Amino acid sequence: MVTKLYRVNAYHPDNWLINDVENINVDNINVVKSLAKENSKGLIARVFDDTSYQKFVRAGFKLVRTTYFAQLFSEDQCTVSDVFNVAQLDDNQQQQLLQKLKQYYENVHQINPASPNINYRRWTFDDSSFDEQHSIVRVDNHHITAAILVFEDGQNYEMGWTFGDNNKILLALWQSFQSIFPEKSLISGEFDDTDRQAMAVYQEFDWHETMPCQLTMLWH
């Protein structure tokens, strides 16, 4: 069935996501392209190897994002004042955090726009894996100016999103962030080169890549 060649991402409805990018052949790519065109949709292919990359280049796809996968061992760092974990936030501050997350998420996903109907509370506070103790924010004059949102991954921790009013404030928060974990705790993260603040964190600290980069390719 043609529908097995792609899937719809409700969070990013403008573009369909190609399935099985390593094995899909050129004829089937063209089938999906025709169907996407009929429905005024673009196509996304996420590839890890050069053979797949070249196949989609020949099919008219363009590279729009590179994602790095890495891990960081926490170290004993200095702490910064005015830092709180999200479990300490009141309802108004939680809502402020969710609004900032929405603005950040929409900004860094302009190449594959986010749906306006995303429920960011469901992604965070309503998610049982969301770690409210290790997710932290900086608050200045009652305003959240930086955030690191974390999820539990077994015995380790996974960064969901990190953002701030500027890189200086965000990187300072990361110094405090490392200090709240037992030393040598493992923190994993994904870093898109379209997200300048995440890349600043990636370049500032001693991250170790865990797998090849993911190349996101777009056709429309």
Protein backbone atom coordinates (compact mmCIF):
# COMPACT_ATOMS: atom_id res chain seq x y z
CA MET A 1 0.00 0.00 0.00
CA VAL A 2 1.16 3.51 -0.80
CA THR A 3 0.36 4.72 2.70
CA LYS A 4 3.03 2.39 4.10
CA LEU A 5 5.64 4.43 2.25
CA TYR A 6 5.04 7.50 4.41
CA ARG A 7 3.39 8.60 7.62
CA VAL A 8 1.64 11.76 8.76
CA ASN A 9 3.06 13.63 11.75
CA ALA A 10 0.18 15.41 13.48
CA TYR A 11 2.64 17.73 15.21
CA HIS A 12 4.10 18.84 11.85
CA PRO A 13 1.24 18.41 9.37
CA ASP A 14 2.67 20.34 6.41
CA ASN A 15 5.08 17.55 5.45
CA TRP A 16 4.74 13.79 5.32
CA LEU A 17 7.57 11.63 6.66
CA ILE A 18 9.09 9.01 4.36
CA ASN A 19 9.30 5.51 5.89
CA ASP A 20 12.18 3.06 5.47
CA VAL A 21 14.48 5.59 3.82
CA GLU A 22 17.30 3.07 3.34
CA ASN A 23 15.23 0.64 1.29
CA ILE A 24 12.64 2.74 -0.54
CA ASN A 25 13.35 2.74 -4.28
CA VAL A 26 13.21 5.64 -6.71
CA ASP A 27 9.90 4.54 -8.22
CA ASN A 28 8.21 4.55 -4.83
CA ILE A 29 9.75 7.91 -3.96
CA ASN A 30 8.17 9.29 -7.13
CA VAL A 31 4.82 7.73 -6.20
CA VAL A 32 4.86 9.45 -2.82
CA LYS A 33 5.96 12.74 -4.40
CA SER A 34 3.00 12.65 -6.77
CA LEU A 35 0.58 11.88 -3.96
CA ALA A 36 2.07 14.61 -1.76
CA LYS A 37 1.77 17.12 -4.59
CA GLU A 38 -1.91 16.23 -5.05
CA ASN A 39 -2.46 16.93 -1.35
CA SER A 40 -0.32 20.10 -1.21
CA LYS A 41 2.15 18.45 1.15
CA GLY A 42 5.91 18.38 1.31
CA LEU A 43 8.04 15.35 2.16
CA ILE A 44 10.67 14.79 4.83
CA ALA A 45 13.34 12.08 4.70
CA ARG A 46 15.65 11.51 7.67
CA VAL A 47 18.79 9.68 6.64
CA PHE A 48 22.00 8.54 8.31
CA ASP A 49 24.13 7.22 5.44
CA ASP A 50 25.59 8.72 2.29
CA THR A 51 23.91 6.23 -0.06
CA SER A 52 20.47 7.25 1.16
CA TYR A 53 21.48 10.91 1.14
CA GLN A 54 22.56 10.75 -2.52
CA LYS A 55 19.38 8.87 -3.47
CA PHE A 56 17.18 11.62 -2.08
CA VAL A 57 19.36 14.37 -3.56
CA ARG A 58 18.79 12.83 -6.99
CA ALA A 59 15.05 12.75 -6.20
CA GLY A 60 15.03 16.51 -5.62
CA PHE A 61 15.30 16.65 -1.83
CA LYS A 62 17.44 19.29 -0.14
CA LEU A 63 19.35 19.07 3.13
CA VAL A 64 17.68 21.40 5.66
CA ARG A 65 18.92 20.20 9.07
CA THR A 66 21.68 18.16 10.68
CA THR A 67 21.05 16.58 14.09
CA TYR A 68 23.82 15.51 16.45
CA PHE A 69 23.29 12.81 19.10
CA ALA A 70 25.54 13.03 22.12
CA GLN A 71 26.04 12.28 25.79
CA LEU A 72 27.51 14.32 28.62
CA PHE A 73 28.80 13.16 32.00
CA SER A 74 27.79 15.65 34.68
CA GLU A 75 30.52 17.41 36.61
CA ASP A 76 30.58 19.39 39.85
CA GLN A 77 30.06 22.92 38.58
CA CYS A 78 29.39 26.23 40.27
CA THR A 79 25.78 27.10 40.97
CA VAL A 80 23.85 30.17 39.86
CA SER A 81 21.34 32.05 42.00
CA ASP A 82 17.67 32.36 41.07
CA VAL A 83 17.53 28.78 39.79
CA PHE A 84 14.50 26.61 40.55
CA ASN A 85 13.35 23.18 39.49
CA VAL A 86 10.01 23.16 37.73
CA ALA A 87 8.36 21.32 40.64
CA GLN A 88 8.68 24.60 42.55
CA LEU A 89 6.81 26.68 39.98
CA ASP A 90 3.31 27.93 40.70
CA ASP A 91 0.50 27.68 38.14
CA ASN A 92 1.24 31.06 36.57
CA GLN A 93 4.94 30.25 36.24
CA GLN A 94 4.14 26.87 34.72
CA GLN A 95 1.96 28.58 32.15
CA GLN A 96 4.75 31.08 31.44
CA LEU A 97 7.18 28.20 30.91
CA LEU A 98 4.80 26.44 28.53
CA GLN A 99 4.31 29.63 26.53
CA LYS A 100 8.08 30.06 26.24
CA LEU A 101 8.42 26.43 25.17
CA LYS A 102 5.77 26.98 22.49
CA GLN A 103 7.54 30.10 21.17
CA TYR A 104 10.90 28.35 21.17
CA TYR A 105 9.59 25.17 19.51
CA GLU A 106 7.81 27.04 16.74
CA ASN A 107 10.87 29.21 16.12
CA VAL A 108 13.33 26.32 15.69
CA HIS A 109 10.95 24.30 13.50
CA GLN A 110 10.30 26.84 10.79
CA ILE A 111 11.56 24.48 8.08
CA ASN A 112 8.89 21.96 9.13
CA PRO A 113 6.28 24.12 10.87
CA ALA A 114 4.70 22.97 14.10
CA SER A 115 0.95 22.54 14.42
CA PRO A 116 -0.72 25.38 16.35
CA ASN A 117 -2.71 22.70 18.20
CA ILE A 118 0.19 21.07 20.08
CA ASN A 119 -0.58 20.57 23.76
CA TYR A 120 2.74 21.47 25.39
CA ARG A 121 1.49 20.59 28.86
CA ARG A 122 0.85 17.05 27.65
CA TRP A 123 4.44 16.96 26.37
CA THR A 124 5.80 18.01 29.77
CA PHE A 125 3.91 18.12 33.06
CA ASP A 126 1.40 15.45 31.97
CA ASP A 127 4.14 13.08 30.75
CA SER A 128 5.10 10.53 33.41
CA SER A 129 8.73 10.53 32.23
CA PHE A 130 9.09 14.31 32.62
CA ASP A 131 11.59 14.90 35.44
CA GLU A 132 10.34 17.91 37.39
CA GLN A 133 13.16 17.64 39.92
CA HIS A 134 16.01 17.85 37.41
CA SER A 135 14.26 20.18 34.95
CA ILE A 136 15.31 23.67 35.97
CA VAL A 137 14.62 27.28 35.10
CA ARG A 138 16.22 30.60 35.87
CA VAL A 139 13.88 33.31 37.14
CA ASP A 140 14.79 37.00 37.01
CA ASN A 141 12.30 39.60 38.28
CA HIS A 142 9.51 36.99 38.25
CA HIS A 143 10.21 36.09 34.61
CA ILE A 144 11.61 32.79 33.38
CA THR A 145 14.73 33.65 31.40
CA ALA A 146 16.16 30.18 30.68
CA ALA A 147 15.08 26.56 30.93
CA ILE A 148 16.40 23.01 30.67
CA LEU A 149 13.63 20.41 30.43
CA VAL A 150 14.64 16.84 31.19
CA PHE A 151 13.09 13.39 30.92
CA GLU A 152 14.07 10.24 32.79
CA ASP A 153 15.56 7.49 30.66
CA GLY A 154 15.98 4.54 32.99
CA GLN A 155 18.97 5.34 35.18
CA ASN A 156 20.01 8.17 32.86
CA TYR A 157 18.58 11.49 31.80
CA GLU A 158 17.53 12.87 28.43
CA MET A 159 17.40 16.55 27.56
CA GLY A 160 14.12 17.43 25.92
CA TRP A 161 14.48 21.13 25.18
CA THR A 162 16.70 23.96 26.35
CA PHE A 163 16.26 27.67 25.64
CA GLY A 164 16.80 31.09 27.12
CA ASP A 165 16.60 34.82 26.54
CA ASN A 166 20.23 34.72 25.37
CA ASN A 167 23.17 32.32 25.23
CA LYS A 168 24.98 33.81 28.23
CA ILE A 169 22.04 33.20 30.57
CA LEU A 170 21.42 29.74 29.13
CA LEU A 171 25.03 28.58 29.44
CA ALA A 172 25.17 29.83 33.03
CA LEU A 173 22.06 27.76 33.78
CA TRP A 174 23.81 24.71 32.33
CA GLN A 175 26.60 25.17 34.87
CA SER A 176 24.02 24.87 37.65
CA PHE A 177 22.26 22.04 35.82
CA GLN A 178 25.28 19.78 35.97
CA SER A 179 25.73 20.38 39.69
CA ILE A 180 22.30 19.00 40.64
CA PHE A 181 23.14 15.48 39.44
CA PRO A 182 25.33 12.94 41.16
CA GLU A 183 28.79 13.31 39.61
CA LYS A 184 29.25 11.39 36.36
CA SER A 185 25.52 11.01 35.75
CA LEU A 186 24.84 10.44 32.06
CA ILE A 187 22.82 13.08 30.20
CA SER A 188 21.88 12.52 26.56
CA GLY A 189 20.68 15.07 24.06
CA GLU A 190 19.85 15.79 20.43
CA PHE A 191 21.13 18.99 18.85
CA ASP A 192 19.76 20.47 15.63
CA ASP A 193 22.01 22.85 13.73
CA THR A 194 18.89 24.98 13.09
CA ASP A 195 18.68 25.60 16.86
CA ARG A 196 21.38 28.14 17.68
CA GLN A 197 20.96 27.91 21.43
CA ALA A 198 21.10 24.13 21.55
CA MET A 199 24.22 24.25 19.38
CA ALA A 200 25.80 26.75 21.80
CA VAL A 201 25.28 24.21 24.60
CA TYR A 202 26.66 21.44 22.38
CA GLN A 203 29.80 23.42 21.60
CA GLU A 204 30.38 24.71 25.15
CA PHE A 205 30.49 21.42 27.04
CA ASP A 206 32.26 18.09 26.64
CA TRP A 207 29.60 16.18 24.72
CA HIS A 208 30.49 12.83 23.16
CA GLU A 209 28.72 11.76 19.98
CA THR A 210 26.90 8.44 20.31
CA MET A 211 25.77 7.78 16.74
CA PRO A 212 26.09 9.23 13.24
CA CYS A 213 24.43 12.54 12.46
CA GLN A 214 20.89 12.50 11.16
CA LEU A 215 20.34 14.46 7.95
CA THR A 216 16.85 15.87 7.47
CA MET A 217 15.95 16.35 3.82
CA LEU A 218 12.96 18.22 2.45
CA TRP A 219 11.06 18.09 -0.82
CA HIS A 220 8.20 20.39 -1.71
